[in-house]
Amino acid sequence: MNVSKAVLITGCSSGIGWATAERLVDVGWRVYVTARNVEKIALLEQRGCDLLPLDVTDEESMISAVDEVERREVTMGCSSTTQGTASPTSGIPSRVLVADQRRSPRP
């Protein structure tokens, strides 16, 4: 089975999201970092991350970001680090999660 090394991380303008992005890109992952204001995460692009605008309070914004990653990747992981949550899927619309589960290869 071919496992994806691409991940979409929300909440990258500071804290856990920023640190997670740095760690994953440093160990060879293709990291899509997001924030409402991509200017705040421009330094992560210099580290090798791909920047996408994403507002977790706007479902269309979330779908647009996921669609863009899907255009570039076969599968991906999602991690939401906004609002102090630790859940890897909080804030991601359920129809996006279901669609991702259908596309992800199963063992």
N, C-alpha and C. Protein backbone atom coordinates (compact mmCIF):
# COMPACT_ATOMS: atom_id res chain seq x y z
N MET A 1 0.84 -1.18 0.00
CA MET A 1 0.00 0.00 0.00
C MET A 1 0.89 1.24 0.00
N ASN A 2 0.54 2.20 -0.84
CA ASN A 2 1.26 3.46 -0.93
C ASN A 2 0.62 4.47 0.04
N VAL A 3 1.34 4.84 1.08
CA VAL A 3 0.82 5.76 2.09
C VAL A 3 1.20 7.19 1.72
N SER A 4 0.25 8.07 1.82
CA SER A 4 0.48 9.48 1.51
C SER A 4 1.44 10.12 2.50
N LYS A 5 2.29 10.98 1.99
CA LYS A 5 3.16 11.79 2.84
C LYS A 5 2.78 13.26 2.69
N ALA A 6 1.49 13.51 2.43
CA ALA A 6 0.97 14.87 2.33
C ALA A 6 -0.01 15.10 3.46
N VAL A 7 0.05 16.30 4.03
CA VAL A 7 -0.85 16.63 5.13
C VAL A 7 -1.29 18.09 5.01
N LEU A 8 -2.54 18.33 5.34
CA LEU A 8 -3.12 19.67 5.41
C LEU A 8 -3.27 20.01 6.88
N ILE A 9 -2.67 21.12 7.29
CA ILE A 9 -2.72 21.54 8.69
C ILE A 9 -3.41 22.90 8.78
N THR A 10 -4.41 23.00 9.63
CA THR A 10 -5.06 24.28 9.87
C THR A 10 -4.42 24.94 11.08
N GLY A 11 -4.62 26.23 11.20
CA GLY A 11 -4.14 26.95 12.38
C GLY A 11 -2.64 27.09 12.45
N CYS A 12 -2.02 27.39 11.33
CA CYS A 12 -0.55 27.42 11.27
C CYS A 12 0.07 28.78 11.55
N SER A 13 -0.73 29.78 11.86
CA SER A 13 -0.15 31.10 12.06
C SER A 13 0.60 31.22 13.39
N SER A 14 0.45 30.22 14.26
CA SER A 14 1.19 30.24 15.53
C SER A 14 1.07 28.89 16.22
N GLY A 15 1.78 28.74 17.31
CA GLY A 15 1.61 27.62 18.22
C GLY A 15 1.80 26.24 17.64
N ILE A 16 0.88 25.35 18.00
CA ILE A 16 0.98 23.94 17.64
C ILE A 16 0.95 23.74 16.13
N GLY A 17 0.11 24.48 15.43
CA GLY A 17 0.04 24.35 13.97
C GLY A 17 1.36 24.66 13.31
N TRP A 18 1.98 25.77 13.73
CA TRP A 18 3.28 26.18 13.19
C TRP A 18 4.34 25.12 13.49
N ALA A 19 4.40 24.69 14.75
CA ALA A 19 5.41 23.71 15.16
C ALA A 19 5.21 22.36 14.45
N THR A 20 3.97 21.95 14.28
CA THR A 20 3.68 20.70 13.58
C THR A 20 4.14 20.78 12.14
N ALA A 21 3.86 21.90 11.50
CA ALA A 21 4.28 22.09 10.10
C ALA A 21 5.80 22.02 9.98
N GLU A 22 6.50 22.72 10.88
CA GLU A 22 7.97 22.69 10.84
C GLU A 22 8.50 21.27 10.99
N ARG A 23 7.96 20.54 11.95
CA ARG A 23 8.44 19.19 12.23
C ARG A 23 8.19 18.26 11.04
N LEU A 24 6.99 18.31 10.49
CA LEU A 24 6.66 17.40 9.40
C LEU A 24 7.44 17.72 8.13
N VAL A 25 7.60 18.99 7.80
CA VAL A 25 8.37 19.32 6.60
C VAL A 25 9.84 18.94 6.79
N ASP A 26 10.34 19.06 8.01
CA ASP A 26 11.74 18.70 8.29
C ASP A 26 12.01 17.20 8.12
N VAL A 27 10.98 16.38 8.30
CA VAL A 27 11.18 14.94 8.16
C VAL A 27 10.63 14.39 6.83
N GLY A 28 10.40 15.31 5.88
CA GLY A 28 10.11 14.88 4.53
C GLY A 28 8.67 14.82 4.07
N TRP A 29 7.75 15.34 4.86
CA TRP A 29 6.36 15.36 4.45
C TRP A 29 6.11 16.54 3.51
N ARG A 30 5.11 16.41 2.65
CA ARG A 30 4.61 17.53 1.85
C ARG A 30 3.54 18.17 2.70
N VAL A 31 3.80 19.38 3.15
CA VAL A 31 2.94 20.03 4.15
C VAL A 31 2.21 21.22 3.53
N TYR A 32 0.90 21.18 3.61
CA TYR A 32 0.05 22.29 3.19
C TYR A 32 -0.37 23.03 4.45
N VAL A 33 0.13 24.24 4.61
CA VAL A 33 -0.17 25.03 5.80
C VAL A 33 -1.23 26.06 5.45
N THR A 34 -2.10 26.33 6.42
CA THR A 34 -3.21 27.24 6.17
C THR A 34 -3.36 28.25 7.29
N ALA A 35 -3.93 29.37 6.90
CA ALA A 35 -4.28 30.44 7.84
C ALA A 35 -5.24 31.37 7.11
N ARG A 36 -5.98 32.14 7.86
CA ARG A 36 -6.84 33.14 7.23
C ARG A 36 -6.01 34.13 6.44
N ASN A 37 -4.88 34.52 7.02
CA ASN A 37 -3.99 35.48 6.40
C ASN A 37 -2.66 34.77 6.09
N VAL A 38 -2.46 34.41 4.82
CA VAL A 38 -1.26 33.63 4.47
C VAL A 38 0.04 34.43 4.65
N GLU A 39 -0.06 35.74 4.74
CA GLU A 39 1.15 36.54 5.01
C GLU A 39 1.77 36.15 6.35
N LYS A 40 0.93 35.73 7.30
CA LYS A 40 1.42 35.34 8.62
C LYS A 40 2.22 34.03 8.60
N ILE A 41 2.06 33.24 7.54
CA ILE A 41 2.75 31.95 7.47
C ILE A 41 3.76 31.89 6.33
N ALA A 42 4.12 33.06 5.81
CA ALA A 42 5.06 33.12 4.68
C ALA A 42 6.41 32.47 4.99
N LEU A 43 6.86 32.56 6.23
CA LEU A 43 8.14 31.94 6.60
C LEU A 43 8.08 30.41 6.46
N LEU A 44 6.91 29.83 6.64
CA LEU A 44 6.78 28.38 6.47
C LEU A 44 6.96 27.98 5.01
N GLU A 45 6.60 28.86 4.10
CA GLU A 45 6.83 28.58 2.68
C GLU A 45 8.33 28.50 2.40
N GLN A 46 9.10 29.36 3.03
CA GLN A 46 10.55 29.32 2.88
C GLN A 46 11.14 28.03 3.44
N ARG A 47 10.46 27.42 4.39
CA ARG A 47 10.89 26.13 4.96
C ARG A 47 10.51 24.95 4.07
N GLY A 48 9.67 25.21 3.04
CA GLY A 48 9.28 24.14 2.12
C GLY A 48 7.83 23.77 2.15
N CYS A 49 7.03 24.48 2.94
CA CYS A 49 5.60 24.19 3.01
C CYS A 49 4.87 24.88 1.85
N ASP A 50 3.69 24.36 1.52
CA ASP A 50 2.80 25.00 0.55
C ASP A 50 1.74 25.78 1.32
N LEU A 51 1.52 27.04 0.94
CA LEU A 51 0.57 27.90 1.64
C LEU A 51 -0.79 27.91 0.96
N LEU A 52 -1.84 27.87 1.79
CA LEU A 52 -3.20 28.00 1.31
C LEU A 52 -4.01 28.87 2.27
N PRO A 53 -4.84 29.75 1.74
CA PRO A 53 -5.74 30.49 2.64
C PRO A 53 -6.86 29.57 3.09
N LEU A 54 -7.20 29.64 4.38
CA LEU A 54 -8.29 28.82 4.89
C LEU A 54 -8.82 29.47 6.17
N ASP A 55 -10.12 29.65 6.21
CA ASP A 55 -10.80 30.17 7.40
C ASP A 55 -11.70 29.05 7.92
N VAL A 56 -11.38 28.51 9.10
CA VAL A 56 -12.14 27.37 9.63
C VAL A 56 -13.57 27.73 10.04
N THR A 57 -13.93 29.02 9.99
CA THR A 57 -15.31 29.41 10.27
C THR A 57 -16.13 29.52 8.99
N ASP A 58 -15.52 29.23 7.84
CA ASP A 58 -16.16 29.36 6.54
C ASP A 58 -16.06 28.02 5.80
N GLU A 59 -17.17 27.30 5.70
CA GLU A 59 -17.15 25.98 5.09
C GLU A 59 -16.66 26.01 3.65
N GLU A 60 -17.04 27.01 2.87
CA GLU A 60 -16.57 27.10 1.49
C GLU A 60 -15.05 27.28 1.43
N SER A 61 -14.51 28.03 2.37
CA SER A 61 -13.06 28.21 2.44
C SER A 61 -12.37 26.88 2.72
N MET A 62 -12.94 26.09 3.63
CA MET A 62 -12.37 24.78 3.95
C MET A 62 -12.43 23.85 2.75
N ILE A 63 -13.57 23.81 2.10
CA ILE A 63 -13.74 22.94 0.94
C ILE A 63 -12.78 23.35 -0.17
N SER A 64 -12.63 24.64 -0.37
CA SER A 64 -11.71 25.14 -1.41
C SER A 64 -10.27 24.69 -1.14
N ALA A 65 -9.84 24.79 0.10
CA ALA A 65 -8.47 24.39 0.45
C ALA A 65 -8.28 22.89 0.24
N VAL A 66 -9.25 22.10 0.69
CA VAL A 66 -9.15 20.65 0.52
C VAL A 66 -9.18 20.29 -0.97
N ASP A 67 -10.04 20.95 -1.73
CA ASP A 67 -10.09 20.70 -3.18
C ASP A 67 -8.75 20.99 -3.84
N GLU A 68 -8.09 22.05 -3.42
CA GLU A 68 -6.79 22.39 -3.99
C GLU A 68 -5.74 21.33 -3.69
N VAL A 69 -5.73 20.84 -2.46
CA VAL A 69 -4.78 19.79 -2.10
C VAL A 69 -5.11 18.52 -2.88
N GLU A 70 -6.38 18.19 -3.00
CA GLU A 70 -6.78 16.99 -3.74
C GLU A 70 -6.39 17.09 -5.21
N ARG A 71 -6.39 18.29 -5.74
CA ARG A 71 -5.98 18.49 -7.13
C ARG A 71 -4.51 18.11 -7.30
N ARG A 72 -3.72 18.34 -6.25
CA ARG A 72 -2.27 18.09 -6.31
C ARG A 72 -1.87 16.71 -5.78
N GLU A 73 -2.68 16.11 -4.95
CA GLU A 73 -2.32 14.87 -4.25
C GLU A 73 -3.38 13.79 -4.46
N VAL A 74 -2.99 12.55 -4.28
CA VAL A 74 -3.95 11.44 -4.35
C VAL A 74 -4.69 11.31 -3.02
N THR A 75 -3.95 11.28 -1.92
CA THR A 75 -4.55 11.22 -0.59
C THR A 75 -3.79 12.17 0.32
N MET A 76 -4.37 12.45 1.48
CA MET A 76 -3.71 13.34 2.43
C MET A 76 -4.25 13.08 3.82
N GLY A 77 -3.50 13.54 4.80
CA GLY A 77 -3.98 13.55 6.16
C GLY A 77 -4.44 14.96 6.50
N CYS A 78 -5.32 15.07 7.47
CA CYS A 78 -5.79 16.38 7.92
C CYS A 78 -5.52 16.53 9.40
N SER A 79 -5.06 17.70 9.78
CA SER A 79 -4.85 17.99 11.19
C SER A 79 -5.35 19.39 11.47
N SER A 80 -6.26 19.50 12.43
CA SER A 80 -6.76 20.80 12.83
C SER A 80 -6.16 21.17 14.18
N THR A 81 -5.47 22.28 14.22
CA THR A 81 -4.84 22.70 15.47
C THR A 81 -5.39 24.04 15.93
N THR A 82 -6.57 24.38 15.48
CA THR A 82 -7.16 25.67 15.83
C THR A 82 -7.96 25.58 17.12
N GLN A 83 -8.18 26.69 17.73
CA GLN A 83 -9.04 26.83 18.91
C GLN A 83 -8.63 25.91 20.04
N GLY A 84 -7.35 25.56 20.12
CA GLY A 84 -6.86 24.76 21.22
C GLY A 84 -7.32 23.32 21.22
N THR A 85 -7.80 22.83 20.09
CA THR A 85 -8.28 21.46 20.04
C THR A 85 -7.15 20.51 19.68
N ALA A 86 -7.26 19.29 20.11
CA ALA A 86 -6.26 18.29 19.78
C ALA A 86 -6.78 17.29 18.76
N SER A 87 -8.06 17.36 18.42
CA SER A 87 -8.65 16.42 17.48
C SER A 87 -8.10 16.64 16.08
N PRO A 88 -7.70 15.57 15.39
CA PRO A 88 -7.14 15.73 14.06
C PRO A 88 -8.18 16.11 13.02
N THR A 89 -9.45 16.08 13.35
CA THR A 89 -10.46 16.39 12.35
C THR A 89 -11.43 17.48 12.77
N SER A 90 -11.25 18.09 13.92
CA SER A 90 -12.19 19.11 14.35
C SER A 90 -12.14 20.30 13.41
N GLY A 91 -13.28 20.84 13.10
CA GLY A 91 -13.36 22.00 12.24
C GLY A 91 -13.40 21.67 10.76
N ILE A 92 -13.28 20.40 10.39
CA ILE A 92 -13.31 20.02 8.99
C ILE A 92 -14.72 19.55 8.67
N PRO A 93 -15.34 20.09 7.62
CA PRO A 93 -16.72 19.71 7.32
C PRO A 93 -16.86 18.20 7.14
N SER A 94 -17.96 17.64 7.64
CA SER A 94 -18.14 16.19 7.60
C SER A 94 -18.15 15.67 6.17
N ARG A 95 -18.66 16.43 5.21
CA ARG A 95 -18.67 15.92 3.84
C ARG A 95 -17.27 15.85 3.26
N VAL A 96 -16.37 16.71 3.74
CA VAL A 96 -14.97 16.63 3.32
C VAL A 96 -14.33 15.39 3.91
N LEU A 97 -14.57 15.13 5.20
CA LEU A 97 -14.00 13.95 5.85
C LEU A 97 -14.51 12.66 5.21
N VAL A 98 -15.80 12.59 4.92
CA VAL A 98 -16.36 11.40 4.29
C VAL A 98 -15.76 11.20 2.91
N ALA A 99 -15.65 12.28 2.14
CA ALA A 99 -15.06 12.18 0.81
C ALA A 99 -13.61 11.72 0.90
N ASP A 100 -12.86 12.22 1.87
CA ASP A 100 -11.47 11.81 2.03
C ASP A 100 -11.38 10.34 2.41
N GLN A 101 -12.28 9.88 3.28
CA GLN A 101 -12.27 8.48 3.67
C GLN A 101 -12.57 7.57 2.49
N ARG A 102 -13.42 7.99 1.60
CA ARG A 102 -13.75 7.17 0.43
C ARG A 102 -12.56 7.07 -0.52
N ARG A 103 -11.76 8.11 -0.61
CA ARG A 103 -10.60 8.13 -1.52
C ARG A 103 -9.38 7.45 -0.93
N SER A 104 -9.26 7.45 0.39
CA SER A 104 -8.06 6.91 1.03
C SER A 104 -8.00 5.40 0.87
N PRO A 105 -6.81 4.88 0.51
CA PRO A 105 -6.68 3.43 0.35
C PRO A 105 -6.84 2.73 1.70
N ARG A 106 -7.39 1.56 1.67
CA ARG A 106 -7.57 0.75 2.86
C ARG A 106 -6.65 -0.47 2.78
N PRO A 107 -6.16 -0.93 3.93
CA PRO A 107 -5.28 -2.11 3.91
C PRO A 107 -6.02 -3.36 3.46
